[in-house]
Amino acid sequence: MKSRNLSFKGLACEPDGRLPKNACCEVILRLAPDIEAVIRGRVVRTTNRETAIDFTAMDPESFSHLRKIVEYHAPQPEILLGELAQPAFPLSRPRILEFPRKRRS
């Protein structure tokens, strides 16, 4: 699946009929054969034009990879520091139920 827009908060990508609105999912950004960022998310919009995923959780290593990708592609990377200083979500945001991570063979 090809991404169209990637940020600290989420991802917009090509539409995927397997991902209905409100579905929990896992986004895997493969950076090299042995390097990947694994990010949990929830589908917030799905149309015939795109699927939008809101990120809900990631480990520190995945965040480090995501940060580098977003900073590299940002026209003004210094503006991103302000985004990192502010919480992306309100503290009263309802918690998404966890789902088990699939094992890769």
N, C-alpha and C. Protein backbone atom coordinates (compact mmCIF):
# COMPACT_ATOMS: atom_id res chain seq x y z
N MET A 1 0.85 -1.16 0.00
CA MET A 1 0.00 0.00 0.00
C MET A 1 0.90 1.23 0.00
N LYS A 2 0.58 2.22 -0.81
CA LYS A 2 1.39 3.43 -0.90
C LYS A 2 0.82 4.52 0.00
N SER A 3 1.72 5.17 0.73
CA SER A 3 1.30 6.29 1.57
C SER A 3 1.27 7.57 0.75
N ARG A 4 0.40 8.49 1.15
CA ARG A 4 0.28 9.78 0.48
C ARG A 4 0.70 10.92 1.39
N ASN A 5 0.52 10.73 2.67
CA ASN A 5 0.81 11.78 3.63
C ASN A 5 1.14 11.11 4.95
N LEU A 6 2.28 11.44 5.51
CA LEU A 6 2.73 10.84 6.76
C LEU A 6 3.10 11.94 7.73
N SER A 7 2.62 11.82 8.97
CA SER A 7 2.95 12.79 10.00
C SER A 7 3.19 12.05 11.31
N PHE A 8 3.48 12.82 12.37
CA PHE A 8 3.64 12.20 13.69
C PHE A 8 2.33 11.59 14.17
N LYS A 9 1.22 12.15 13.71
CA LYS A 9 -0.10 11.76 14.20
C LYS A 9 -0.76 10.66 13.39
N GLY A 10 -0.42 10.55 12.10
CA GLY A 10 -1.12 9.56 11.30
C GLY A 10 -0.62 9.46 9.88
N LEU A 11 -1.44 8.80 9.07
CA LEU A 11 -1.06 8.45 7.71
C LEU A 11 -2.29 8.46 6.82
N ALA A 12 -2.15 9.01 5.63
CA ALA A 12 -3.16 8.89 4.59
C ALA A 12 -2.53 8.03 3.50
N CYS A 13 -3.29 7.07 2.99
CA CYS A 13 -2.73 6.15 2.01
C CYS A 13 -3.79 5.77 0.98
N GLU A 14 -3.36 4.96 0.01
CA GLU A 14 -4.31 4.47 -0.99
C GLU A 14 -5.45 3.76 -0.28
N PRO A 15 -6.64 3.78 -0.86
CA PRO A 15 -7.77 3.10 -0.22
C PRO A 15 -7.53 1.59 -0.13
N ASP A 16 -8.03 1.00 0.93
CA ASP A 16 -7.91 -0.43 1.13
C ASP A 16 -9.22 -0.95 1.71
N GLY A 17 -9.97 -1.70 0.93
CA GLY A 17 -11.27 -2.20 1.35
C GLY A 17 -11.23 -3.14 2.54
N ARG A 18 -10.04 -3.64 2.88
CA ARG A 18 -9.92 -4.53 4.05
C ARG A 18 -9.93 -3.76 5.36
N LEU A 19 -9.86 -2.43 5.29
CA LEU A 19 -9.77 -1.61 6.50
C LEU A 19 -11.02 -0.75 6.66
N PRO A 20 -12.03 -1.26 7.36
CA PRO A 20 -13.23 -0.45 7.58
C PRO A 20 -12.98 0.64 8.63
N LYS A 21 -13.80 1.66 8.62
CA LYS A 21 -13.69 2.74 9.59
C LYS A 21 -13.74 2.17 11.01
N ASN A 22 -12.91 2.71 11.90
CA ASN A 22 -12.78 2.34 13.31
C ASN A 22 -12.02 1.04 13.54
N ALA A 23 -11.54 0.40 12.50
CA ALA A 23 -10.77 -0.84 12.68
C ALA A 23 -9.39 -0.52 13.25
N CYS A 24 -8.92 -1.36 14.16
CA CYS A 24 -7.56 -1.25 14.65
C CYS A 24 -6.65 -1.90 13.62
N CYS A 25 -5.47 -1.34 13.47
CA CYS A 25 -4.53 -1.88 12.48
C CYS A 25 -3.11 -1.66 12.95
N GLU A 26 -2.20 -2.19 12.20
CA GLU A 26 -0.78 -2.02 12.46
C GLU A 26 -0.13 -1.54 11.17
N VAL A 27 0.56 -0.42 11.26
CA VAL A 27 1.27 0.13 10.12
C VAL A 27 2.74 -0.24 10.28
N ILE A 28 3.30 -0.84 9.24
CA ILE A 28 4.71 -1.21 9.27
C ILE A 28 5.41 -0.44 8.17
N LEU A 29 6.33 0.42 8.58
CA LEU A 29 7.14 1.18 7.64
C LEU A 29 8.47 0.45 7.50
N ARG A 30 8.69 -0.19 6.37
CA ARG A 30 9.93 -0.92 6.15
C ARG A 30 10.97 0.04 5.59
N LEU A 31 12.04 0.24 6.34
CA LEU A 31 13.08 1.18 5.97
C LEU A 31 14.27 0.47 5.32
N ALA A 32 14.46 -0.77 5.66
CA ALA A 32 15.51 -1.62 5.12
C ALA A 32 15.07 -3.05 5.42
N PRO A 33 15.70 -4.05 4.84
CA PRO A 33 15.26 -5.43 5.09
C PRO A 33 15.17 -5.79 6.58
N ASP A 34 16.03 -5.21 7.40
CA ASP A 34 16.03 -5.55 8.82
C ASP A 34 15.67 -4.37 9.73
N ILE A 35 15.14 -3.29 9.15
CA ILE A 35 14.76 -2.11 9.95
C ILE A 35 13.32 -1.72 9.60
N GLU A 36 12.49 -1.65 10.63
CA GLU A 36 11.10 -1.24 10.41
C GLU A 36 10.56 -0.49 11.61
N ALA A 37 9.59 0.36 11.34
CA ALA A 37 8.85 1.05 12.40
C ALA A 37 7.47 0.40 12.44
N VAL A 38 7.07 -0.05 13.61
CA VAL A 38 5.77 -0.69 13.78
C VAL A 38 4.90 0.24 14.62
N ILE A 39 3.77 0.66 14.04
CA ILE A 39 2.92 1.66 14.68
C ILE A 39 1.48 1.15 14.70
N ARG A 40 0.88 1.19 15.86
CA ARG A 40 -0.53 0.80 15.97
C ARG A 40 -1.40 2.00 15.64
N GLY A 41 -2.56 1.72 15.04
CA GLY A 41 -3.44 2.80 14.65
C GLY A 41 -4.89 2.39 14.57
N ARG A 42 -5.71 3.37 14.20
CA ARG A 42 -7.15 3.16 14.03
C ARG A 42 -7.57 3.88 12.76
N VAL A 43 -8.36 3.22 11.94
CA VAL A 43 -8.84 3.82 10.71
C VAL A 43 -9.89 4.87 11.07
N VAL A 44 -9.64 6.11 10.66
CA VAL A 44 -10.57 7.20 10.99
C VAL A 44 -11.38 7.65 9.77
N ARG A 45 -10.91 7.27 8.59
CA ARG A 45 -11.66 7.62 7.37
C ARG A 45 -11.28 6.64 6.28
N THR A 46 -12.30 6.22 5.54
CA THR A 46 -12.03 5.37 4.39
C THR A 46 -13.02 5.74 3.29
N THR A 47 -12.48 6.10 2.16
CA THR A 47 -13.30 6.47 1.00
C THR A 47 -12.73 5.76 -0.22
N ASN A 48 -13.33 5.99 -1.36
CA ASN A 48 -12.78 5.39 -2.58
C ASN A 48 -11.52 6.12 -3.03
N ARG A 49 -11.17 7.22 -2.37
CA ARG A 49 -9.97 7.99 -2.72
C ARG A 49 -8.80 7.73 -1.78
N GLU A 50 -9.10 7.48 -0.47
CA GLU A 50 -8.01 7.24 0.47
C GLU A 50 -8.50 6.60 1.76
N THR A 51 -7.53 6.05 2.49
CA THR A 51 -7.75 5.54 3.83
C THR A 51 -6.87 6.39 4.75
N ALA A 52 -7.45 6.86 5.86
CA ALA A 52 -6.70 7.66 6.83
C ALA A 52 -6.61 6.90 8.14
N ILE A 53 -5.40 6.84 8.67
CA ILE A 53 -5.14 6.10 9.91
C ILE A 53 -4.57 7.05 10.95
N ASP A 54 -5.17 7.02 12.13
CA ASP A 54 -4.73 7.82 13.27
C ASP A 54 -3.82 6.93 14.11
N PHE A 55 -2.58 7.36 14.36
CA PHE A 55 -1.66 6.55 15.17
C PHE A 55 -2.09 6.58 16.63
N THR A 56 -2.05 5.41 17.27
CA THR A 56 -2.45 5.33 18.67
C THR A 56 -1.31 4.88 19.60
N ALA A 57 -0.31 4.17 19.06
CA ALA A 57 0.78 3.71 19.92
C ALA A 57 1.96 3.27 19.07
N MET A 58 3.16 3.46 19.63
CA MET A 58 4.39 2.96 18.99
C MET A 58 5.48 2.91 20.06
N ASP A 59 6.45 2.06 19.83
CA ASP A 59 7.56 1.98 20.78
C ASP A 59 8.56 3.10 20.48
N PRO A 60 9.48 3.38 21.40
CA PRO A 60 10.43 4.48 21.20
C PRO A 60 11.29 4.33 19.93
N GLU A 61 11.69 3.14 19.61
CA GLU A 61 12.51 2.94 18.41
C GLU A 61 11.72 3.28 17.14
N SER A 62 10.46 2.85 17.08
CA SER A 62 9.61 3.17 15.93
C SER A 62 9.38 4.68 15.84
N PHE A 63 9.19 5.34 17.00
CA PHE A 63 9.01 6.79 16.97
C PHE A 63 10.27 7.48 16.44
N SER A 64 11.43 6.98 16.82
CA SER A 64 12.68 7.55 16.33
C SER A 64 12.77 7.46 14.81
N HIS A 65 12.39 6.31 14.25
CA HIS A 65 12.39 6.16 12.79
C HIS A 65 11.37 7.10 12.15
N LEU A 66 10.16 7.15 12.72
CA LEU A 66 9.11 8.02 12.18
C LEU A 66 9.56 9.47 12.21
N ARG A 67 10.16 9.88 13.30
CA ARG A 67 10.62 11.26 13.43
C ARG A 67 11.63 11.62 12.34
N LYS A 68 12.57 10.73 12.09
CA LYS A 68 13.57 10.99 11.06
C LYS A 68 12.94 11.10 9.68
N ILE A 69 11.98 10.24 9.38
CA ILE A 69 11.30 10.28 8.08
C ILE A 69 10.55 11.60 7.92
N VAL A 70 9.78 11.97 8.93
CA VAL A 70 8.98 13.20 8.86
C VAL A 70 9.89 14.42 8.77
N GLU A 71 10.94 14.48 9.57
CA GLU A 71 11.86 15.62 9.52
C GLU A 71 12.56 15.72 8.16
N TYR A 72 12.96 14.60 7.60
CA TYR A 72 13.66 14.60 6.32
C TYR A 72 12.79 15.18 5.21
N HIS A 73 11.50 14.87 5.24
CA HIS A 73 10.60 15.30 4.17
C HIS A 73 9.90 16.63 4.45
N ALA A 74 10.09 17.20 5.61
CA ALA A 74 9.43 18.46 5.96
C ALA A 74 10.13 19.64 5.28
N PRO A 75 9.35 20.56 4.70
CA PRO A 75 9.97 21.74 4.08
C PRO A 75 10.67 22.63 5.11
N GLN A 76 10.15 22.66 6.35
CA GLN A 76 10.75 23.45 7.43
C GLN A 76 10.83 22.56 8.68
N PRO A 77 11.85 21.72 8.79
CA PRO A 77 11.93 20.78 9.92
C PRO A 77 11.91 21.44 11.29
N GLU A 78 12.39 22.69 11.40
CA GLU A 78 12.41 23.35 12.71
C GLU A 78 11.00 23.57 13.26
N ILE A 79 10.00 23.64 12.40
CA ILE A 79 8.61 23.82 12.86
C ILE A 79 8.13 22.57 13.60
N LEU A 80 8.69 21.42 13.27
CA LEU A 80 8.27 20.18 13.90
C LEU A 80 8.56 20.14 15.39
N LEU A 81 9.55 20.87 15.84
CA LEU A 81 9.86 20.90 17.27
C LEU A 81 8.67 21.39 18.08
N GLY A 82 7.95 22.37 17.54
CA GLY A 82 6.74 22.86 18.21
C GLY A 82 5.67 21.78 18.30
N GLU A 83 5.55 20.96 17.25
CA GLU A 83 4.57 19.87 17.28
C GLU A 83 4.93 18.85 18.36
N LEU A 84 6.21 18.60 18.53
CA LEU A 84 6.63 17.62 19.53
C LEU A 84 6.43 18.13 20.95
N ALA A 85 6.44 19.44 21.12
CA ALA A 85 6.26 20.02 22.46
C ALA A 85 4.80 19.98 22.92
N GLN A 86 3.87 19.89 21.97
CA GLN A 86 2.44 19.86 22.29
C GLN A 86 1.92 18.43 22.21
N PRO A 87 1.05 18.02 23.14
CA PRO A 87 0.46 16.68 23.04
C PRO A 87 -0.37 16.58 21.75
N ALA A 88 -0.24 15.45 21.06
CA ALA A 88 -0.99 15.24 19.83
C ALA A 88 -2.46 14.95 20.11
N PHE A 89 -2.75 14.49 21.33
CA PHE A 89 -4.11 14.08 21.67
C PHE A 89 -4.50 14.68 23.01
N PRO A 90 -5.78 15.01 23.19
CA PRO A 90 -6.21 15.49 24.50
C PRO A 90 -6.03 14.39 25.55
N LEU A 91 -5.75 14.80 26.76
CA LEU A 91 -5.53 13.81 27.82
C LEU A 91 -6.78 13.00 28.12
N SER A 92 -7.96 13.52 27.78
CA SER A 92 -9.20 12.81 28.04
C SER A 92 -9.61 11.90 26.89
N ARG A 93 -8.75 11.72 25.91
CA ARG A 93 -9.07 10.89 24.75
C ARG A 93 -9.38 9.47 25.20
N PRO A 94 -10.48 8.89 24.68
CA PRO A 94 -10.80 7.51 25.08
C PRO A 94 -9.71 6.55 24.63
N ARG A 95 -9.44 5.60 25.46
CA ARG A 95 -8.38 4.63 25.18
C ARG A 95 -8.88 3.58 24.19
N ILE A 96 -8.04 3.24 23.24
CA ILE A 96 -8.35 2.19 22.26
C ILE A 96 -7.95 0.85 22.85
N LEU A 97 -8.79 -0.14 22.71
CA LEU A 97 -8.46 -1.46 23.22
C LEU A 97 -7.25 -2.01 22.47
N GLU A 98 -6.37 -2.64 23.21
CA GLU A 98 -5.17 -3.24 22.62
C GLU A 98 -5.56 -4.49 21.86
N PHE A 99 -4.78 -4.85 20.88
CA PHE A 99 -4.97 -6.08 20.15
C PHE A 99 -3.64 -6.80 20.08
N PRO A 100 -3.66 -8.13 20.06
CA PRO A 100 -2.39 -8.87 20.08
C PRO A 100 -1.62 -8.65 18.79
N ARG A 101 -0.32 -8.54 18.93
CA ARG A 101 0.56 -8.37 17.77
C ARG A 101 0.83 -9.74 17.15
N LYS A 102 0.73 -9.78 15.83
CA LYS A 102 0.96 -11.04 15.13
C LYS A 102 2.46 -11.33 15.09
N ARG A 103 2.78 -12.59 15.23
CA ARG A 103 4.18 -13.01 15.15
C ARG A 103 4.54 -13.21 13.68
N ARG A 104 5.74 -12.75 13.36
CA ARG A 104 6.23 -12.96 12.00
C ARG A 104 7.09 -14.19 11.96
N SER A 105 6.96 -14.95 10.89
CA SER A 105 7.80 -16.15 10.79
C SER A 105 8.95 -15.92 9.85
